[in-house]
Amino acid sequence: MKSKGYFFKIIALTLLLTPLLAIAEQDESEWNNSLKNQYFSGKTIDESDAVIELDAPLRAEDPALVPLKINSKIKQSPGNYIKKILVLVDKNPFPYVGEFEFSPKSGKADLAMRIRVNTYSHVRAIAEMNDGILYMTKKFVKASGGCSAPVGADLDAAMQRLGKMKFRLDEGVKSKEPTLVQLLISHPNLSGMQMDQVTRFVRKSHFVKEMKVSFNNEPILTAKTDIAISSDPNFRFYFVPESAGTLKAEFTDTSCESPTSRAVCNAGKTYSESYSVTP
């Protein structure tokens, strides 16, 4: 049985850590001193959940697979739609998660994925409307080590299936209405900070750089992504099937010498997959 002294120590430690956690949650220094000027210099951003809202766990069960969902509050229409959403993790070694472009053909600008969070940090989603107005929503996520989580022992097997993709429409096809689609991509998405459990060497970054999804050659979702996207990327988004047609996904990967610099990178390969849709 544990002594009373042990429990007093736990309580004391909790009391000491609580103010530190509160300070971390209020820390906006990375955003205010760097990221805002880097991505939105001179621009006004309305911090509000009126246009998009971010859904993320307060404490991540797995920092390398943090579920993230962006819910839009408006319908995509030719006159008023979310054109682009930028996702950032303030305290990640490379804060840029990805930039996702939508169109009225998307139906909804909702997006779900899994990301890496390296330390306690705000996760931000900034939406740009078709008229240029910016809206930001954020969540504080408690996680540790997501970008440096070890490469699994099955990396060779992962490399063998690299580039394979699969579409899933679990809710069926809704004619002329926003239809949910899931795109699963086989790719280790190496961060450049992970140790191979077999060789004990840190593997160079190798990640999905660009992705394009179209329906009957009309763009639905176009993305530029980076090392914060989890291994085996998994995206959920919407499109509007006006008629029977073909969903097509295409992605290109890249390798970089440094996990935090894009000065020296080598172009990778391009992979594609098609899926027939009948409303």
C-alpha atoms as a PDB file:
ATOM      1  CA  MET A   1       0.000   0.000   0.000  1.00  0.00           C
ATOM      2  CA  LYS A   2       1.300   3.431  -0.884  1.00  0.00           C
ATOM      3  CA  SER A   3       2.090   5.800   1.969  1.00  0.00           C
ATOM      4  CA  LYS A   4       0.312   9.054   2.670  1.00  0.00           C
ATOM      5  CA  GLY A   5       3.575  10.816   1.828  1.00  0.00           C
ATOM      6  CA  TYR A   6       3.399   9.443  -1.719  1.00  0.00           C
ATOM      7  CA  PHE A   7      -0.096  10.843  -2.265  1.00  0.00           C
ATOM      8  CA  PHE A   8       0.894  14.208  -0.776  1.00  0.00           C
ATOM      9  CA  LYS A   9       3.780  14.340  -3.263  1.00  0.00           C
ATOM     10  CA  ILE A  10       1.393  13.669  -6.150  1.00  0.00           C
ATOM     11  CA  ILE A  11      -0.974  16.400  -4.980  1.00  0.00           C
ATOM     12  CA  ALA A  12       1.912  18.843  -4.520  1.00  0.00           C
ATOM     13  CA  LEU A  13       3.250  18.062  -8.002  1.00  0.00           C
ATOM     14  CA  THR A  14      -0.205  18.581  -9.500  1.00  0.00           C
ATOM     15  CA  LEU A  15      -0.536  21.948  -7.765  1.00  0.00           C
ATOM     16  CA  LEU A  16       2.873  22.982  -9.084  1.00  0.00           C
ATOM     17  CA  LEU A  17       2.137  21.923 -12.670  1.00  0.00           C
ATOM     18  CA  THR A  18      -1.356  23.421 -12.931  1.00  0.00           C
ATOM     19  CA  PRO A  19      -0.168  27.064 -13.221  1.00  0.00           C
ATOM     20  CA  LEU A  20       2.453  26.020 -15.788  1.00  0.00           C
ATOM     21  CA  LEU A  21      -0.197  24.311 -17.910  1.00  0.00           C
ATOM     22  CA  ALA A  22      -2.410  27.392 -17.690  1.00  0.00           C
ATOM     23  CA  ILE A  23       0.498  29.560 -18.862  1.00  0.00           C
ATOM     24  CA  ALA A  24       1.173  27.190 -21.773  1.00  0.00           C
ATOM     25  CA  GLU A  25      -2.472  27.337 -22.847  1.00  0.00           C
ATOM     26  CA  GLN A  26      -2.369  31.139 -22.878  1.00  0.00           C
ATOM     27  CA  ASP A  27       0.934  31.306 -24.760  1.00  0.00           C
ATOM     28  CA  GLU A  28       0.370  33.131 -28.061  1.00  0.00           C
ATOM     29  CA  SER A  29       4.008  34.169 -28.545  1.00  0.00           C
ATOM     30  CA  GLU A  30       4.751  31.930 -31.523  1.00  0.00           C
ATOM     31  CA  TRP A  31       1.633  33.153 -33.324  1.00  0.00           C
ATOM     32  CA  ASN A  32       2.050  36.830 -32.470  1.00  0.00           C
ATOM     33  CA  ASN A  33       5.818  37.048 -32.978  1.00  0.00           C
ATOM     34  CA  SER A  34       6.290  34.825 -35.988  1.00  0.00           C
ATOM     35  CA  LEU A  35       3.494  32.887 -37.647  1.00  0.00           C
ATOM     36  CA  LYS A  36       0.961  35.677 -38.088  1.00  0.00           C
ATOM     37  CA  ASN A  37       3.484  37.896 -39.880  1.00  0.00           C
ATOM     38  CA  GLN A  38       4.865  34.987 -41.874  1.00  0.00           C
ATOM     39  CA  TYR A  39       1.522  33.944 -43.342  1.00  0.00           C
ATOM     40  CA  PHE A  40      -0.757  36.985 -42.966  1.00  0.00           C
ATOM     41  CA  SER A  41       1.431  40.072 -42.807  1.00  0.00           C
ATOM     42  CA  GLY A  42      -0.649  43.251 -42.707  1.00  0.00           C
ATOM     43  CA  LYS A  43      -3.957  41.376 -42.826  1.00  0.00           C
ATOM     44  CA  THR A  44      -6.862  41.435 -40.383  1.00  0.00           C
ATOM     45  CA  ILE A  45      -8.089  38.107 -39.005  1.00  0.00           C
ATOM     46  CA  ASP A  46     -11.402  37.675 -37.206  1.00  0.00           C
ATOM     47  CA  GLU A  47     -10.985  35.096 -34.428  1.00  0.00           C
ATOM     48  CA  SER A  48     -14.369  33.442 -34.377  1.00  0.00           C
ATOM     49  CA  ASP A  49     -16.152  30.082 -34.714  1.00  0.00           C
ATOM     50  CA  ALA A  50     -18.822  31.655 -36.904  1.00  0.00           C
ATOM     51  CA  VAL A  51     -17.418  30.325 -40.201  1.00  0.00           C
ATOM     52  CA  ILE A  52     -15.320  27.308 -39.204  1.00  0.00           C
ATOM     53  CA  GLU A  53     -14.895  25.422 -35.955  1.00  0.00           C
ATOM     54  CA  LEU A  54     -12.025  23.155 -34.930  1.00  0.00           C
ATOM     55  CA  ASP A  55     -12.607  19.848 -33.182  1.00  0.00           C
ATOM     56  CA  ALA A  56      -9.536  18.319 -31.496  1.00  0.00           C
ATOM     57  CA  PRO A  57      -8.891  16.424 -28.254  1.00  0.00           C
ATOM     58  CA  LEU A  58      -7.622  18.402 -25.271  1.00  0.00           C
ATOM     59  CA  ARG A  59      -5.255  15.549 -24.464  1.00  0.00           C
ATOM     60  CA  ALA A  60      -4.049  13.359 -27.329  1.00  0.00           C
ATOM     61  CA  GLU A  61      -4.038   9.588 -26.799  1.00  0.00           C
ATOM     62  CA  ASP A  62      -1.345   9.254 -29.488  1.00  0.00           C
ATOM     63  CA  PRO A  63       0.628  12.443 -30.331  1.00  0.00           C
ATOM     64  CA  ALA A  64       1.529  11.025 -33.749  1.00  0.00           C
ATOM     65  CA  LEU A  65      -2.135  10.392 -34.622  1.00  0.00           C
ATOM     66  CA  VAL A  66      -4.100  13.351 -33.285  1.00  0.00           C
ATOM     67  CA  PRO A  67      -7.584  13.468 -34.862  1.00  0.00           C
ATOM     68  CA  LEU A  68      -8.457  16.880 -36.226  1.00  0.00           C
ATOM     69  CA  LYS A  69     -11.767  17.930 -37.715  1.00  0.00           C
ATOM     70  CA  ILE A  70     -12.679  21.260 -39.282  1.00  0.00           C
ATOM     71  CA  ASN A  71     -16.406  21.922 -39.458  1.00  0.00           C
ATOM     72  CA  SER A  72     -17.677  24.664 -41.745  1.00  0.00           C
ATOM     73  CA  LYS A  73     -20.725  26.707 -40.796  1.00  0.00           C
ATOM     74  CA  ILE A  74     -21.674  27.890 -44.275  1.00  0.00           C
ATOM     75  CA  LYS A  75     -22.750  26.199 -47.488  1.00  0.00           C
ATOM     76  CA  GLN A  76     -20.344  26.422 -50.402  1.00  0.00           C
ATOM     77  CA  SER A  77     -22.006  28.480 -53.145  1.00  0.00           C
ATOM     78  CA  PRO A  78     -20.582  30.314 -56.176  1.00  0.00           C
ATOM     79  CA  GLY A  79     -21.126  33.708 -54.513  1.00  0.00           C
ATOM     80  CA  ASN A  80     -19.961  32.845 -51.006  1.00  0.00           C
ATOM     81  CA  TYR A  81     -17.575  30.053 -50.189  1.00  0.00           C
ATOM     82  CA  ILE A  82     -14.492  29.103 -48.209  1.00  0.00           C
ATOM     83  CA  LYS A  83     -11.636  29.260 -50.665  1.00  0.00           C
ATOM     84  CA  LYS A  84      -8.760  28.054 -48.503  1.00  0.00           C
ATOM     85  CA  ILE A  85      -7.972  26.778 -44.999  1.00  0.00           C
ATOM     86  CA  LEU A  86      -4.469  26.949 -43.517  1.00  0.00           C
ATOM     87  CA  VAL A  87      -3.693  24.658 -40.569  1.00  0.00           C
ATOM     88  CA  LEU A  88      -0.816  25.388 -38.162  1.00  0.00           C
ATOM     89  CA  VAL A  89       0.536  23.874 -34.936  1.00  0.00           C
ATOM     90  CA  ASP A  90       2.256  26.749 -33.116  1.00  0.00           C
ATOM     91  CA  LYS A  91       4.913  24.766 -31.252  1.00  0.00           C
ATOM     92  CA  ASN A  92       5.741  22.091 -33.801  1.00  0.00           C
ATOM     93  CA  PRO A  93       9.342  22.210 -35.099  1.00  0.00           C
ATOM     94  CA  PHE A  94       7.763  22.946 -38.505  1.00  0.00           C
ATOM     95  CA  PRO A  95       4.384  24.589 -37.650  1.00  0.00           C
ATOM     96  CA  TYR A  96       2.919  24.333 -41.163  1.00  0.00           C
ATOM     97  CA  VAL A  97       0.514  21.392 -41.368  1.00  0.00           C
ATOM     98  CA  GLY A  98      -1.093  22.155 -44.692  1.00  0.00           C
ATOM     99  CA  GLU A  99      -3.040  24.482 -46.931  1.00  0.00           C
ATOM    100  CA  PHE A 100      -6.328  23.148 -48.301  1.00  0.00           C
ATOM    101  CA  GLU A 101      -8.230  24.734 -51.191  1.00  0.00           C
ATOM    102  CA  PHE A 102     -11.948  24.218 -51.768  1.00  0.00           C
ATOM    103  CA  SER A 103     -14.485  25.266 -54.386  1.00  0.00           C
ATOM    104  CA  PRO A 104     -18.277  25.534 -54.630  1.00  0.00           C
ATOM    105  CA  LYS A 105     -18.148  21.984 -56.045  1.00  0.00           C
ATOM    106  CA  SER A 106     -16.986  20.821 -52.608  1.00  0.00           C
ATOM    107  CA  GLY A 107     -20.474  21.421 -51.189  1.00  0.00           C
ATOM    108  CA  LYS A 108     -18.983  21.739 -47.698  1.00  0.00           C
ATOM    109  CA  ALA A 109     -15.537  22.911 -46.655  1.00  0.00           C
ATOM    110  CA  ASP A 110     -15.415  20.284 -43.895  1.00  0.00           C
ATOM    111  CA  LEU A 111     -12.154  18.402 -43.480  1.00  0.00           C
ATOM    112  CA  ALA A 112     -10.927  15.650 -41.164  1.00  0.00           C
ATOM    113  CA  MET A 113      -7.409  14.229 -40.861  1.00  0.00           C
ATOM    114  CA  ARG A 114      -4.799  12.997 -38.390  1.00  0.00           C
ATOM    115  CA  ILE A 115      -1.781  15.100 -37.475  1.00  0.00           C
ATOM    116  CA  ARG A 116       1.387  15.076 -35.363  1.00  0.00           C
ATOM    117  CA  VAL A 117       1.632  17.382 -32.349  1.00  0.00           C
ATOM    118  CA  ASN A 118       5.101  17.582 -30.815  1.00  0.00           C
ATOM    119  CA  THR A 119       4.399  19.459 -27.573  1.00  0.00           C
ATOM    120  CA  TYR A 120       1.606  21.286 -25.755  1.00  0.00           C
ATOM    121  CA  SER A 121       0.410  23.756 -28.373  1.00  0.00           C
ATOM    122  CA  HIS A 122      -2.396  25.653 -30.011  1.00  0.00           C
ATOM    123  CA  VAL A 123      -3.628  24.168 -33.263  1.00  0.00           C
ATOM    124  CA  ARG A 124      -5.053  26.815 -35.602  1.00  0.00           C
ATOM    125  CA  ALA A 125      -7.248  26.776 -38.694  1.00  0.00           C
ATOM    126  CA  ILE A 126      -7.495  30.009 -40.673  1.00  0.00           C
ATOM    127  CA  ALA A 127     -10.166  30.183 -43.375  1.00  0.00           C
ATOM    128  CA  GLU A 128      -9.954  32.560 -46.315  1.00  0.00           C
ATOM    129  CA  MET A 129     -13.278  33.393 -47.971  1.00  0.00           C
ATOM    130  CA  ASN A 130     -13.621  33.960 -51.705  1.00  0.00           C
ATOM    131  CA  ASP A 131     -13.802  37.706 -50.987  1.00  0.00           C
ATOM    132  CA  GLY A 132     -10.522  37.585 -49.029  1.00  0.00           C
ATOM    133  CA  ILE A 133     -11.939  37.911 -45.478  1.00  0.00           C
ATOM    134  CA  LEU A 134     -10.060  35.749 -42.924  1.00  0.00           C
ATOM    135  CA  TYR A 135     -11.480  33.835 -39.955  1.00  0.00           C
ATOM    136  CA  MET A 136      -9.478  31.894 -37.368  1.00  0.00           C
ATOM    137  CA  THR A 137     -10.410  29.181 -34.892  1.00  0.00           C
ATOM    138  CA  LYS A 138      -8.064  27.341 -32.524  1.00  0.00           C
ATOM    139  CA  LYS A 139      -7.798  24.537 -29.963  1.00  0.00           C
ATOM    140  CA  PHE A 140      -5.178  23.824 -27.317  1.00  0.00           C
ATOM    141  CA  VAL A 141      -3.869  20.249 -27.502  1.00  0.00           C
ATOM    142  CA  LYS A 142      -1.781  18.497 -24.847  1.00  0.00           C
ATOM    143  CA  ALA A 143       0.626  16.119 -26.592  1.00  0.00           C
ATOM    144  CA  SER A 144       4.311  15.254 -26.527  1.00  0.00           C
ATOM    145  CA  GLY A 145       6.684  13.744 -29.088  1.00  0.00           C
ATOM    146  CA  GLY A 146       4.376  13.396 -32.084  1.00  0.00           C
ATOM    147  CA  CYS A 147       6.950  14.468 -34.675  1.00  0.00           C
ATOM    148  CA  SER A 148       9.728  12.284 -33.259  1.00  0.00           C
ATOM    149  CA  ALA A 149       7.675   9.164 -32.524  1.00  0.00           C
ATOM    150  CA  PRO A 150       9.795   6.176 -33.652  1.00  0.00           C
ATOM    151  CA  VAL A 151       9.391   4.636 -37.073  1.00  0.00           C
ATOM    152  CA  GLY A 152       7.724   1.252 -36.712  1.00  0.00           C
ATOM    153  CA  ALA A 153       9.507  -2.023 -37.416  1.00  0.00           C
ATOM    154  CA  ASP A 154       7.344  -2.532 -40.528  1.00  0.00           C
ATOM    155  CA  LEU A 155       8.814   0.421 -42.443  1.00  0.00           C
ATOM    156  CA  ASP A 156       9.979  -1.847 -45.270  1.00  0.00           C
ATOM    157  CA  ALA A 157       6.443  -3.114 -45.691  1.00  0.00           C
ATOM    158  CA  ALA A 158       5.148   0.468 -45.605  1.00  0.00           C
ATOM    159  CA  MET A 159       7.576   1.420 -48.374  1.00  0.00           C
ATOM    160  CA  GLN A 160       6.398  -1.530 -50.467  1.00  0.00           C
ATOM    161  CA  ARG A 161       2.789  -0.298 -50.427  1.00  0.00           C
ATOM    162  CA  LEU A 162       3.722   3.385 -50.770  1.00  0.00           C
ATOM    163  CA  GLY A 163       1.510   5.223 -53.235  1.00  0.00           C
ATOM    164  CA  LYS A 164      -1.543   2.997 -52.948  1.00  0.00           C
ATOM    165  CA  MET A 165      -4.815   4.852 -52.422  1.00  0.00           C
ATOM    166  CA  LYS A 166      -8.404   3.962 -51.661  1.00  0.00           C
ATOM    167  CA  PHE A 167     -11.671   5.912 -51.802  1.00  0.00           C
ATOM    168  CA  ARG A 168     -14.491   5.108 -49.388  1.00  0.00           C
ATOM    169  CA  LEU A 169     -18.045   6.469 -49.481  1.00  0.00           C
ATOM    170  CA  ASP A 170     -19.469   4.832 -46.361  1.00  0.00           C
ATOM    171  CA  GLU A 171     -22.589   7.008 -46.307  1.00  0.00           C
ATOM    172  CA  GLY A 172     -23.395   6.346 -49.952  1.00  0.00           C
ATOM    173  CA  VAL A 173     -23.715   8.808 -52.823  1.00  0.00           C
ATOM    174  CA  LYS A 174     -26.176  11.684 -52.517  1.00  0.00           C
ATOM    175  CA  SER A 175     -27.131  13.054 -55.910  1.00  0.00           C
ATOM    176  CA  LYS A 176     -26.628  16.827 -56.158  1.00  0.00           C
ATOM    177  CA  GLU A 177     -25.957  17.028 -52.401  1.00  0.00           C
ATOM    178  CA  PRO A 178     -22.721  17.163 -50.389  1.00  0.00           C
ATOM    179  CA  THR A 179     -21.419  13.600 -50.219  1.00  0.00           C
ATOM    180  CA  LEU A 180     -18.809  12.478 -47.697  1.00  0.00           C
ATOM    181  CA  VAL A 181     -15.740  10.787 -49.144  1.00  0.00           C
ATOM    182  CA  GLN A 182     -12.713   9.332 -47.395  1.00  0.00           C
ATOM    183  CA  LEU A 183      -9.323   9.082 -49.077  1.00  0.00           C
ATOM    184  CA  LEU A 184      -6.763   6.715 -47.571  1.00  0.00           C
ATOM    185  CA  ILE A 185      -3.139   7.043 -48.716  1.00  0.00           C
ATOM    186  CA  SER A 186      -0.376   4.539 -48.022  1.00  0.00           C
ATOM    187  CA  HIS A 187       2.699   6.599 -47.190  1.00  0.00           C
ATOM    188  CA  PRO A 188       4.987   6.604 -44.095  1.00  0.00           C
ATOM    189  CA  ASN A 189       5.145  10.426 -44.200  1.00  0.00           C
ATOM    190  CA  LEU A 190       8.488  10.471 -42.394  1.00  0.00           C
ATOM    191  CA  SER A 191       9.119  13.641 -40.409  1.00  0.00           C
ATOM    192  CA  GLY A 192      12.936  13.599 -40.484  1.00  0.00           C
ATOM    193  CA  MET A 193      13.026  13.365 -36.687  1.00  0.00           C
ATOM    194  CA  GLN A 194      12.128   9.702 -36.241  1.00  0.00           C
ATOM    195  CA  MET A 195      14.482   6.879 -35.318  1.00  0.00           C
ATOM    196  CA  ASP A 196      14.293   3.604 -37.223  1.00  0.00           C
ATOM    197  CA  GLN A 197      13.797   0.945 -34.535  1.00  0.00           C
ATOM    198  CA  VAL A 198      15.854  -1.576 -36.510  1.00  0.00           C
ATOM    199  CA  THR A 199      18.852   0.467 -37.698  1.00  0.00           C
ATOM    200  CA  ARG A 200      18.715   3.060 -34.850  1.00  0.00           C
ATOM    201  CA  PHE A 201      19.343   5.804 -37.424  1.00  0.00           C
ATOM    202  CA  VAL A 202      17.154   8.886 -37.858  1.00  0.00           C
ATOM    203  CA  ARG A 203      15.387   8.621 -41.193  1.00  0.00           C
ATOM    204  CA  LYS A 204      15.389  11.538 -43.611  1.00  0.00           C
ATOM    205  CA  SER A 205      12.029  13.234 -44.114  1.00  0.00           C
ATOM    206  CA  HIS A 206       9.856  11.828 -46.901  1.00  0.00           C
ATOM    207  CA  PHE A 207       6.321  13.165 -47.041  1.00  0.00           C
ATOM    208  CA  VAL A 208       3.280  13.922 -49.174  1.00  0.00           C
ATOM    209  CA  LYS A 209       3.813  17.396 -50.593  1.00  0.00           C
ATOM    210  CA  GLU A 210       0.821  18.038 -52.863  1.00  0.00           C
ATOM    211  CA  MET A 211      -2.563  16.428 -53.357  1.00  0.00           C
ATOM    212  CA  LYS A 212      -5.333  17.024 -55.871  1.00  0.00           C
ATOM    213  CA  VAL A 213      -8.809  15.496 -55.820  1.00  0.00           C
ATOM    214  CA  SER A 214     -11.243  16.093 -58.663  1.00  0.00           C
ATOM    215  CA  PHE A 215     -14.637  14.858 -59.847  1.00  0.00           C
ATOM    216  CA  ASN A 216     -15.135  14.774 -63.607  1.00  0.00           C
ATOM    217  CA  ASN A 217     -12.003  16.959 -63.883  1.00  0.00           C
ATOM    218  CA  GLU A 218     -13.510  19.650 -61.617  1.00  0.00           C
ATOM    219  CA  PRO A 219     -11.334  20.348 -58.540  1.00  0.00           C
ATOM    220  CA  ILE A 220     -12.838  19.385 -55.176  1.00  0.00           C
ATOM    221  CA  LEU A 221      -9.863  19.552 -52.826  1.00  0.00           C
ATOM    222  CA  THR A 222      -6.332  20.733 -53.543  1.00  0.00           C
ATOM    223  CA  ALA A 223      -3.730  20.573 -50.786  1.00  0.00           C
ATOM    224  CA  LYS A 224      -0.133  21.354 -49.938  1.00  0.00           C
ATOM    225  CA  THR A 225       0.927  19.336 -46.903  1.00  0.00           C
ATOM    226  CA  ASP A 226       4.017  18.669 -44.801  1.00  0.00           C
ATOM    227  CA  ILE A 227       5.549  16.509 -42.059  1.00  0.00           C
ATOM    228  CA  ALA A 228       2.827  17.174 -39.461  1.00  0.00           C
ATOM    229  CA  ILE A 229       0.392  14.995 -41.399  1.00  0.00           C
ATOM    230  CA  SER A 230       0.449  11.528 -39.813  1.00  0.00           C
ATOM    231  CA  SER A 231       1.757   8.382 -41.436  1.00  0.00           C
ATOM    232  CA  ASP A 232      -0.710   6.793 -43.864  1.00  0.00           C
ATOM    233  CA  PRO A 233      -2.632  10.051 -44.401  1.00  0.00           C
ATOM    234  CA  ASN A 234      -6.382   9.762 -44.090  1.00  0.00           C
ATOM    235  CA  PHE A 235      -8.593  12.635 -45.269  1.00  0.00           C
ATOM    236  CA  ARG A 236     -12.369  13.062 -45.085  1.00  0.00           C
ATOM    237  CA  PHE A 237     -14.063  15.761 -47.151  1.00  0.00           C
ATOM    238  CA  TYR A 238     -17.122  16.451 -49.310  1.00  0.00           C
ATOM    239  CA  PHE A 239     -18.048  16.781 -52.976  1.00  0.00           C
ATOM    240  CA  VAL A 240     -21.285  17.253 -54.894  1.00  0.00           C
ATOM    241  CA  PRO A 241     -21.971  14.610 -57.586  1.00  0.00           C
ATOM    242  CA  GLU A 242     -24.247  16.287 -60.106  1.00  0.00           C
ATOM    243  CA  SER A 243     -24.191  13.113 -62.223  1.00  0.00           C
ATOM    244  CA  ALA A 244     -22.306   9.856 -62.630  1.00  0.00           C
ATOM    245  CA  GLY A 245     -18.582  10.354 -63.009  1.00  0.00           C
ATOM    246  CA  THR A 246     -15.072   9.707 -61.802  1.00  0.00           C
ATOM    247  CA  LEU A 247     -13.345  10.707 -58.603  1.00  0.00           C
ATOM    248  CA  LYS A 248      -9.616  11.071 -59.127  1.00  0.00           C
ATOM    249  CA  ALA A 249      -6.879  11.577 -56.542  1.00  0.00           C
ATOM    250  CA  GLU A 250      -3.282  12.436 -57.326  1.00  0.00           C
ATOM    251  CA  PHE A 251      -0.431  13.127 -54.934  1.00  0.00           C
ATOM    252  CA  THR A 252       3.265  13.946 -55.184  1.00  0.00           C
ATOM    253  CA  ASP A 253       5.827  13.367 -52.441  1.00  0.00           C
ATOM    254  CA  THR A 254       9.242  14.849 -51.643  1.00  0.00           C
ATOM    255  CA  SER A 255      12.326  14.266 -49.487  1.00  0.00           C
ATOM    256  CA  CYS A 256      14.164  17.013 -47.598  1.00  0.00           C
ATOM    257  CA  GLU A 257      17.559  17.047 -45.914  1.00  0.00           C
ATOM    258  CA  SER A 258      16.238  18.961 -42.901  1.00  0.00           C
ATOM    259  CA  PRO A 259      12.897  18.480 -41.121  1.00  0.00           C
ATOM    260  CA  THR A 260      12.609  22.251 -40.542  1.00  0.00           C
ATOM    261  CA  SER A 261      14.011  23.685 -43.785  1.00  0.00           C
ATOM    262  CA  ARG A 262      12.789  23.400 -47.349  1.00  0.00           C
ATOM    263  CA  ALA A 263      15.974  24.818 -48.891  1.00  0.00           C
ATOM    264  CA  VAL A 264      17.259  21.396 -49.993  1.00  0.00           C
ATOM    265  CA  CYS A 265      14.562  18.976 -51.144  1.00  0.00           C
ATOM    266  CA  ASN A 266      14.369  16.320 -53.819  1.00  0.00           C
ATOM    267  CA  ALA A 267      11.261  15.876 -55.930  1.00  0.00           C
ATOM    268  CA  GLY A 268       9.546  12.551 -55.424  1.00  0.00           C
ATOM    269  CA  LYS A 269       7.038  10.571 -57.455  1.00  0.00           C
ATOM    270  CA  THR A 270       3.424  11.156 -58.432  1.00  0.00           C
ATOM    271  CA  TYR A 271       0.708   8.590 -57.764  1.00  0.00           C
ATOM    272  CA  SER A 272      -2.934   8.523 -58.850  1.00  0.00           C
ATOM    273  CA  GLU A 273      -6.141   6.591 -58.262  1.00  0.00           C
ATOM    274  CA  SER A 274      -9.629   6.766 -59.802  1.00  0.00           C
ATOM    275  CA  TYR A 275     -13.037   5.700 -58.545  1.00  0.00           C
ATOM    276  CA  SER A 276     -16.331   5.484 -60.466  1.00  0.00           C
ATOM    277  CA  VAL A 277     -19.327   7.175 -58.836  1.00  0.00           C
ATOM    278  CA  THR A 278     -22.986   6.496 -59.691  1.00  0.00           C
ATOM    279  CA  PRO A 279     -25.561   8.607 -57.786  1.00  0.00           C
END
